[in-house]
Amino acid sequence: MGDKKAVNLGEKIEIVTGFNSDNERVYFSMIQDIISEHIFLITLPMSEGESAFLHLGEEIRVCYFRPHGQYWFQAKVIDRYKQDNIYSFKIQKISEVTRLQRRNYFRLQKTIPVKVDIFSLNDKETINTLYGYTLDIGGGGLAIVLDSSISRNTKVKCTFTLDSSSNIGTIQTKGKVIRSNPSQNMEDKFEVGICFEDISDQQRDEIIKFIFEEQRRLRKKGLI
């Protein structure tokens, strides 16, 4: 029997660039060819019409799904090709395949309205309320767009509804601001990263379930 954790020819994968940084981005690609156990050819990674032009020597993270979980490995771009104005990239696996741990689930790029209550220094009262929308969401936190910046380490409460058409209700959980930077794509906007700090297992499971259902829906439509 083959390795159930190995990627397959023609399999759709997720390519993460700039991982563990403020510039982390997720793109979608496909295994175009399996040259050896550690060498693969992938299609040009895309996300919402935007392509990721990978550089030689760049390290990326390759993520893919199995019925029993999500897996990833680290890879390096070792070559690139262009045929009929279409790019493909040769990558080399440089780490073991790892199952994604519970608190490090992949973040879904999704626009969801969110209310952010900002707490005072003693965390006992709300001193301001901002409204914005998410850039992405995961089991450990979310990235949002706001009209104002929020200082790092500020304690907040986030309120949002994952999907009004489903049985998933409104999520309300406390968190901490881990970054807040001016948006590079939107004038007079700020991109704020928030890490969940007071979220129940049930709420986290609801978020993760929502992410997997969204990805399944997009795959069926051929969008990823």
C-alpha atoms as a PDB file:
ATOM      1  CA  MET A   1       0.000   0.000   0.000  1.00  0.00           C
ATOM      2  CA  GLY A   2       1.171   3.532  -0.742  1.00  0.00           C
ATOM      3  CA  ASP A   3       1.955   6.159   1.823  1.00  0.00           C
ATOM      4  CA  LYS A   4      -1.366   7.797   2.728  1.00  0.00           C
ATOM      5  CA  LYS A   5       0.526  10.960   3.725  1.00  0.00           C
ATOM      6  CA  ALA A   6       2.288  11.355   0.360  1.00  0.00           C
ATOM      7  CA  VAL A   7       1.028  13.868  -2.199  1.00  0.00           C
ATOM      8  CA  ASN A   8      -0.505  12.480  -5.375  1.00  0.00           C
ATOM      9  CA  LEU A   9      -0.223  13.420  -9.026  1.00  0.00           C
ATOM     10  CA  GLY A  10      -2.887  15.998  -9.889  1.00  0.00           C
ATOM     11  CA  GLU A  11      -3.616  16.745  -6.232  1.00  0.00           C
ATOM     12  CA  LYS A  12      -4.625  20.282  -5.309  1.00  0.00           C
ATOM     13  CA  ILE A  13      -2.355  21.805  -2.684  1.00  0.00           C
ATOM     14  CA  GLU A  14      -1.933  25.028  -0.750  1.00  0.00           C
ATOM     15  CA  ILE A  15       1.322  26.979  -0.984  1.00  0.00           C
ATOM     16  CA  VAL A  16       2.186  29.224   1.965  1.00  0.00           C
ATOM     17  CA  THR A  17       4.781  31.940   1.335  1.00  0.00           C
ATOM     18  CA  GLY A  18       6.365  34.153   3.990  1.00  0.00           C
ATOM     19  CA  PHE A  19       5.174  31.731   6.672  1.00  0.00           C
ATOM     20  CA  ASN A  20       5.390  32.861  10.306  1.00  0.00           C
ATOM     21  CA  SER A  21       5.751  36.507   9.229  1.00  0.00           C
ATOM     22  CA  ASP A  22       3.507  39.523   8.674  1.00  0.00           C
ATOM     23  CA  ASN A  23       3.716  38.807   4.917  1.00  0.00           C
ATOM     24  CA  GLU A  24       2.351  35.267   5.104  1.00  0.00           C
ATOM     25  CA  ARG A  25       0.139  34.472   2.106  1.00  0.00           C
ATOM     26  CA  VAL A  26      -1.734  31.361   1.010  1.00  0.00           C
ATOM     27  CA  TYR A  27      -2.067  30.354  -2.647  1.00  0.00           C
ATOM     28  CA  PHE A  28      -3.533  27.357  -4.423  1.00  0.00           C
ATOM     29  CA  SER A  29      -1.624  25.086  -6.767  1.00  0.00           C
ATOM     30  CA  MET A  30      -1.542  21.522  -8.085  1.00  0.00           C
ATOM     31  CA  ILE A  31       0.989  18.696  -8.270  1.00  0.00           C
ATOM     32  CA  GLN A  32       1.775  18.656 -12.005  1.00  0.00           C
ATOM     33  CA  ASP A  33       4.407  15.943 -11.901  1.00  0.00           C
ATOM     34  CA  ILE A  34       6.154  13.726  -9.340  1.00  0.00           C
ATOM     35  CA  ILE A  35       9.776  13.510 -10.420  1.00  0.00           C
ATOM     36  CA  SER A  36      11.021  11.607  -7.370  1.00  0.00           C
ATOM     37  CA  GLU A  37      10.125  11.041  -3.738  1.00  0.00           C
ATOM     38  CA  HIS A  38      11.364  14.542  -2.889  1.00  0.00           C
ATOM     39  CA  ILE A  39      11.073  16.469  -6.179  1.00  0.00           C
ATOM     40  CA  PHE A  40       7.763  17.777  -7.522  1.00  0.00           C
ATOM     41  CA  LEU A  41       6.571  20.024 -10.320  1.00  0.00           C
ATOM     42  CA  ILE A  42       3.726  22.373  -9.335  1.00  0.00           C
ATOM     43  CA  THR A  43       1.544  24.797 -11.262  1.00  0.00           C
ATOM     44  CA  LEU A  44       1.767  28.556 -10.768  1.00  0.00           C
ATOM     45  CA  PRO A  45       0.255  29.261  -7.307  1.00  0.00           C
ATOM     46  CA  MET A  46      -2.830  31.501  -7.534  1.00  0.00           C
ATOM     47  CA  SER A  47      -5.216  33.200  -5.115  1.00  0.00           C
ATOM     48  CA  GLU A  48      -8.239  35.239  -6.205  1.00  0.00           C
ATOM     49  CA  GLY A  49      -6.640  36.043  -9.559  1.00  0.00           C
ATOM     50  CA  GLU A  50      -3.266  36.958  -8.024  1.00  0.00           C
ATOM     51  CA  SER A  51      -0.248  34.800  -8.806  1.00  0.00           C
ATOM     52  CA  ALA A  52       2.708  34.034  -6.570  1.00  0.00           C
ATOM     53  CA  PHE A  53       5.885  34.252  -8.640  1.00  0.00           C
ATOM     54  CA  LEU A  54       8.214  32.100  -6.592  1.00  0.00           C
ATOM     55  CA  HIS A  55      11.936  32.852  -6.569  1.00  0.00           C
ATOM     56  CA  LEU A  56      14.723  30.302  -6.912  1.00  0.00           C
ATOM     57  CA  GLY A  57      15.896  29.269  -3.461  1.00  0.00           C
ATOM     58  CA  GLU A  58      12.701  30.514  -1.790  1.00  0.00           C
ATOM     59  CA  GLU A  59      11.356  28.272   0.958  1.00  0.00           C
ATOM     60  CA  ILE A  60       7.641  27.575   0.991  1.00  0.00           C
ATOM     61  CA  ARG A  61       5.212  25.435   2.938  1.00  0.00           C
ATOM     62  CA  VAL A  62       3.123  22.857   1.067  1.00  0.00           C
ATOM     63  CA  CYS A  63      -0.202  21.935   2.706  1.00  0.00           C
ATOM     64  CA  TYR A  64      -2.731  19.315   1.694  1.00  0.00           C
ATOM     65  CA  PHE A  65      -5.660  17.457   3.191  1.00  0.00           C
ATOM     66  CA  ARG A  66      -6.591  13.901   4.023  1.00  0.00           C
ATOM     67  CA  PRO A  67      -9.858  12.654   5.576  1.00  0.00           C
ATOM     68  CA  HIS A  68      -8.056  12.267   8.903  1.00  0.00           C
ATOM     69  CA  GLY A  69      -6.312  15.647   8.958  1.00  0.00           C
ATOM     70  CA  GLN A  70      -4.138  18.270   7.305  1.00  0.00           C
ATOM     71  CA  TYR A  71      -0.463  17.724   6.483  1.00  0.00           C
ATOM     72  CA  TRP A  72       2.416  19.929   5.421  1.00  0.00           C
ATOM     73  CA  PHE A  73       6.075  19.881   4.539  1.00  0.00           C
ATOM     74  CA  GLN A  74       8.652  22.539   3.871  1.00  0.00           C
ATOM     75  CA  ALA A  75      10.072  22.833   0.359  1.00  0.00           C
ATOM     76  CA  LYS A  76      12.564  24.889  -1.619  1.00  0.00           C
ATOM     77  CA  VAL A  77      12.056  26.236  -5.143  1.00  0.00           C
ATOM     78  CA  ILE A  78      14.880  24.789  -7.245  1.00  0.00           C
ATOM     79  CA  ASP A  79      13.795  25.601 -10.815  1.00  0.00           C
ATOM     80  CA  ARG A  80      11.083  27.264 -12.858  1.00  0.00           C
ATOM     81  CA  TYR A  81       9.785  26.789 -16.384  1.00  0.00           C
ATOM     82  CA  LYS A  82       7.725  28.783 -18.860  1.00  0.00           C
ATOM     83  CA  GLN A  83       5.886  27.155 -21.733  1.00  0.00           C
ATOM     84  CA  ASP A  84       3.220  28.855 -23.840  1.00  0.00           C
ATOM     85  CA  ASN A  85       3.349  31.751 -21.354  1.00  0.00           C
ATOM     86  CA  ILE A  86       2.451  29.403 -18.494  1.00  0.00           C
ATOM     87  CA  TYR A  87       4.773  29.047 -15.490  1.00  0.00           C
ATOM     88  CA  SER A  88       5.475  25.949 -13.441  1.00  0.00           C
ATOM     89  CA  PHE A  89       7.927  25.432 -10.588  1.00  0.00           C
ATOM     90  CA  LYS A  90      10.109  22.561  -9.503  1.00  0.00           C
ATOM     91  CA  ILE A  91      10.262  22.204  -5.716  1.00  0.00           C
ATOM     92  CA  GLN A  92      12.278  19.980  -3.418  1.00  0.00           C
ATOM     93  CA  LYS A  93      10.895  18.656  -0.140  1.00  0.00           C
ATOM     94  CA  ILE A  94      13.356  19.615   2.610  1.00  0.00           C
ATOM     95  CA  SER A  95      11.496  18.432   5.711  1.00  0.00           C
ATOM     96  CA  GLU A  96       9.483  15.478   6.901  1.00  0.00           C
ATOM     97  CA  VAL A  97       5.724  15.433   6.399  1.00  0.00           C
ATOM     98  CA  THR A  98       4.038  16.753   9.538  1.00  0.00           C
ATOM     99  CA  ARG A  99       0.440  16.593  10.629  1.00  0.00           C
ATOM    100  CA  LEU A 100      -0.791  20.052  11.511  1.00  0.00           C
ATOM    101  CA  GLN A 101      -1.292  20.367  15.263  1.00  0.00           C
ATOM    102  CA  ARG A 102      -4.643  21.426  16.692  1.00  0.00           C
ATOM    103  CA  ARG A 103      -3.659  24.976  17.558  1.00  0.00           C
ATOM    104  CA  ASN A 104      -1.923  25.643  14.243  1.00  0.00           C
ATOM    105  CA  TYR A 105      -4.771  25.059  11.832  1.00  0.00           C
ATOM    106  CA  PHE A 106      -4.612  26.680   8.422  1.00  0.00           C
ATOM    107  CA  ARG A 107      -6.246  30.093   8.100  1.00  0.00           C
ATOM    108  CA  LEU A 108      -8.995  30.571   5.553  1.00  0.00           C
ATOM    109  CA  GLN A 109      -9.065  33.747   3.491  1.00  0.00           C
ATOM    110  CA  LYS A 110     -12.625  34.925   4.039  1.00  0.00           C
ATOM    111  CA  THR A 111     -14.396  38.280   4.425  1.00  0.00           C
ATOM    112  CA  ILE A 112     -16.616  38.272   7.527  1.00  0.00           C
ATOM    113  CA  PRO A 113     -17.951  41.366   9.358  1.00  0.00           C
ATOM    114  CA  VAL A 114     -16.484  41.614  12.855  1.00  0.00           C
ATOM    115  CA  LYS A 115     -16.989  43.840  15.896  1.00  0.00           C
ATOM    116  CA  VAL A 116     -13.944  44.537  18.060  1.00  0.00           C
ATOM    117  CA  ASP A 117     -14.411  45.782  21.630  1.00  0.00           C
ATOM    118  CA  ILE A 118     -11.202  47.288  23.034  1.00  0.00           C
ATOM    119  CA  PHE A 119     -10.583  46.836  26.750  1.00  0.00           C
ATOM    120  CA  SER A 120      -8.945  49.235  29.191  1.00  0.00           C
ATOM    121  CA  LEU A 121      -5.528  48.457  30.662  1.00  0.00           C
ATOM    122  CA  ASN A 122      -7.099  46.545  33.548  1.00  0.00           C
ATOM    123  CA  ASP A 123      -9.292  44.567  31.101  1.00  0.00           C
ATOM    124  CA  LYS A 124     -12.400  45.428  33.097  1.00  0.00           C
ATOM    125  CA  GLU A 125     -14.225  47.830  30.802  1.00  0.00           C
ATOM    126  CA  THR A 126     -14.688  48.531  27.108  1.00  0.00           C
ATOM    127  CA  ILE A 127     -13.164  51.866  26.100  1.00  0.00           C
ATOM    128  CA  ASN A 128     -13.851  51.725  22.360  1.00  0.00           C
ATOM    129  CA  THR A 129     -15.621  49.641  19.738  1.00  0.00           C
ATOM    130  CA  LEU A 130     -14.465  49.268  16.142  1.00  0.00           C
ATOM    131  CA  TYR A 131     -16.105  47.572  13.171  1.00  0.00           C
ATOM    132  CA  GLY A 132     -14.292  45.926  10.299  1.00  0.00           C
ATOM    133  CA  TYR A 133     -13.992  42.657   8.421  1.00  0.00           C
ATOM    134  CA  THR A 134     -11.703  39.666   8.390  1.00  0.00           C
ATOM    135  CA  LEU A 135      -8.933  38.993   5.898  1.00  0.00           C
ATOM    136  CA  ASP A 136      -8.504  35.444   7.153  1.00  0.00           C
ATOM    137  CA  ILE A 137      -9.558  33.283  10.049  1.00  0.00           C
ATOM    138  CA  GLY A 138      -8.251  30.168  11.764  1.00  0.00           C
ATOM    139  CA  GLY A 139      -8.639  28.167  14.933  1.00  0.00           C
ATOM    140  CA  GLY A 140      -6.013  30.292  16.666  1.00  0.00           C
ATOM    141  CA  GLY A 141      -7.002  33.796  15.610  1.00  0.00           C
ATOM    142  CA  LEU A 142      -7.856  36.124  12.776  1.00  0.00           C
ATOM    143  CA  ALA A 143      -6.560  39.009  10.695  1.00  0.00           C
ATOM    144  CA  ILE A 144      -8.908  41.954  10.248  1.00  0.00           C
ATOM    145  CA  VAL A 145      -9.112  45.287   8.439  1.00  0.00           C
ATOM    146  CA  LEU A 146     -10.004  48.345  10.536  1.00  0.00           C
ATOM    147  CA  ASP A 147     -10.126  52.115  10.080  1.00  0.00           C
ATOM    148  CA  SER A 148      -7.884  52.584  13.128  1.00  0.00           C
ATOM    149  CA  SER A 149      -4.756  50.971  14.492  1.00  0.00           C
ATOM    150  CA  ILE A 150      -4.725  49.090  17.802  1.00  0.00           C
ATOM    151  CA  SER A 151      -1.607  48.914  19.958  1.00  0.00           C
ATOM    152  CA  ARG A 152       0.153  45.585  20.200  1.00  0.00           C
ATOM    153  CA  ASN A 153      -0.775  43.459  23.274  1.00  0.00           C
ATOM    154  CA  THR A 154      -4.096  45.290  23.659  1.00  0.00           C
ATOM    155  CA  LYS A 155      -6.833  42.979  24.948  1.00  0.00           C
ATOM    156  CA  VAL A 156      -9.975  42.862  22.807  1.00  0.00           C
ATOM    157  CA  LYS A 157     -13.231  40.973  22.378  1.00  0.00           C
ATOM    158  CA  CYS A 158     -14.199  39.845  18.882  1.00  0.00           C
ATOM    159  CA  THR A 159     -17.759  39.138  17.815  1.00  0.00           C
ATOM    160  CA  PHE A 160     -18.590  37.637  14.422  1.00  0.00           C
ATOM    161  CA  THR A 161     -20.916  35.183  12.702  1.00  0.00           C
ATOM    162  CA  LEU A 162     -19.228  32.583  10.542  1.00  0.00           C
ATOM    163  CA  ASP A 163     -22.136  31.800   8.227  1.00  0.00           C
ATOM    164  CA  SER A 164     -25.636  33.143   8.683  1.00  0.00           C
ATOM    165  CA  SER A 165     -27.047  30.363   6.458  1.00  0.00           C
ATOM    166  CA  SER A 166     -25.688  27.545   8.638  1.00  0.00           C
ATOM    167  CA  ASN A 167     -26.362  26.311  12.138  1.00  0.00           C
ATOM    168  CA  ILE A 168     -23.177  27.920  13.427  1.00  0.00           C
ATOM    169  CA  GLY A 169     -24.090  30.774  15.708  1.00  0.00           C
ATOM    170  CA  THR A 170     -22.286  33.944  16.644  1.00  0.00           C
ATOM    171  CA  ILE A 171     -18.741  33.571  17.986  1.00  0.00           C
ATOM    172  CA  GLN A 172     -17.697  35.901  20.800  1.00  0.00           C
ATOM    173  CA  THR A 173     -14.226  35.478  22.233  1.00  0.00           C
ATOM    174  CA  LYS A 174     -11.437  37.472  23.851  1.00  0.00           C
ATOM    175  CA  GLY A 175      -8.038  37.908  22.264  1.00  0.00           C
ATOM    176  CA  LYS A 176      -4.822  39.899  22.118  1.00  0.00           C
ATOM    177  CA  VAL A 177      -3.477  42.104  19.340  1.00  0.00           C
ATOM    178  CA  ILE A 178      -0.206  40.633  18.065  1.00  0.00           C
ATOM    179  CA  ARG A 179       0.379  43.056  15.180  1.00  0.00           C
ATOM    180  CA  SER A 180      -1.141  46.210  13.678  1.00  0.00           C
ATOM    181  CA  ASN A 181       0.234  47.679  10.464  1.00  0.00           C
ATOM    182  CA  PRO A 182      -0.946  50.138   7.805  1.00  0.00           C
ATOM    183  CA  SER A 183      -2.469  48.235   4.911  1.00  0.00           C
ATOM    184  CA  GLN A 184      -0.323  48.074   1.788  1.00  0.00           C
ATOM    185  CA  ASN A 185      -3.370  47.595  -0.434  1.00  0.00           C
ATOM    186  CA  MET A 186      -5.989  49.900   1.106  1.00  0.00           C
ATOM    187  CA  GLU A 187      -5.515  53.572   1.845  1.00  0.00           C
ATOM    188  CA  ASP A 188      -6.253  54.730   5.412  1.00  0.00           C
ATOM    189  CA  LYS A 189      -6.828  51.151   6.575  1.00  0.00           C
ATOM    190  CA  PHE A 190      -4.974  48.985   9.082  1.00  0.00           C
ATOM    191  CA  GLU A 191      -4.428  45.232   9.089  1.00  0.00           C
ATOM    192  CA  VAL A 192      -4.632  43.880  12.635  1.00  0.00           C
ATOM    193  CA  GLY A 193      -3.701  40.379  13.747  1.00  0.00           C
ATOM    194  CA  ILE A 194      -5.499  38.988  16.788  1.00  0.00           C
ATOM    195  CA  CYS A 195      -4.664  35.810  18.688  1.00  0.00           C
ATOM    196  CA  PHE A 196      -7.545  34.131  20.534  1.00  0.00           C
ATOM    197  CA  GLU A 197      -6.915  33.878  24.279  1.00  0.00           C
ATOM    198  CA  ASP A 198     -10.249  32.924  25.797  1.00  0.00           C
ATOM    199  CA  ILE A 199     -11.964  30.620  23.344  1.00  0.00           C
ATOM    200  CA  SER A 200     -13.786  27.431  24.252  1.00  0.00           C
ATOM    201  CA  ASP A 201     -13.023  24.130  22.571  1.00  0.00           C
ATOM    202  CA  GLN A 202     -16.545  24.161  21.152  1.00  0.00           C
ATOM    203  CA  GLN A 203     -16.042  27.573  19.544  1.00  0.00           C
ATOM    204  CA  ARG A 204     -12.653  26.572  18.131  1.00  0.00           C
ATOM    205  CA  ASP A 205     -14.163  23.371  16.739  1.00  0.00           C
ATOM    206  CA  GLU A 206     -16.933  25.401  15.092  1.00  0.00           C
ATOM    207  CA  ILE A 207     -14.369  27.650  13.398  1.00  0.00           C
ATOM    208  CA  ILE A 208     -12.316  24.674  12.193  1.00  0.00           C
ATOM    209  CA  LYS A 209     -15.447  22.921  10.947  1.00  0.00           C
ATOM    210  CA  PHE A 210     -16.434  26.072   9.054  1.00  0.00           C
ATOM    211  CA  ILE A 211     -12.972  26.289   7.430  1.00  0.00           C
ATOM    212  CA  PHE A 212     -13.039  22.683   6.249  1.00  0.00           C
ATOM    213  CA  GLU A 213     -16.603  23.041   4.912  1.00  0.00           C
ATOM    214  CA  GLU A 214     -15.654  26.224   3.030  1.00  0.00           C
ATOM    215  CA  GLN A 215     -12.619  24.554   1.480  1.00  0.00           C
ATOM    216  CA  ARG A 216     -14.704  21.535   0.495  1.00  0.00           C
ATOM    217  CA  ARG A 217     -17.285  23.829  -1.136  1.00  0.00           C
ATOM    218  CA  LEU A 218     -14.617  25.744  -3.060  1.00  0.00           C
ATOM    219  CA  ARG A 219     -12.999  22.531  -4.273  1.00  0.00           C
ATOM    220  CA  LYS A 220     -16.313  21.222  -5.584  1.00  0.00           C
ATOM    221  CA  LYS A 221     -16.701  24.453  -7.568  1.00  0.00           C
ATOM    222  CA  GLY A 222     -13.146  24.119  -8.871  1.00  0.00           C
ATOM    223  CA  LEU A 223     -12.124  27.433  -7.325  1.00  0.00           C
ATOM    224  CA  ILE A 224      -9.170  25.944  -5.417  1.00  0.00           C
END
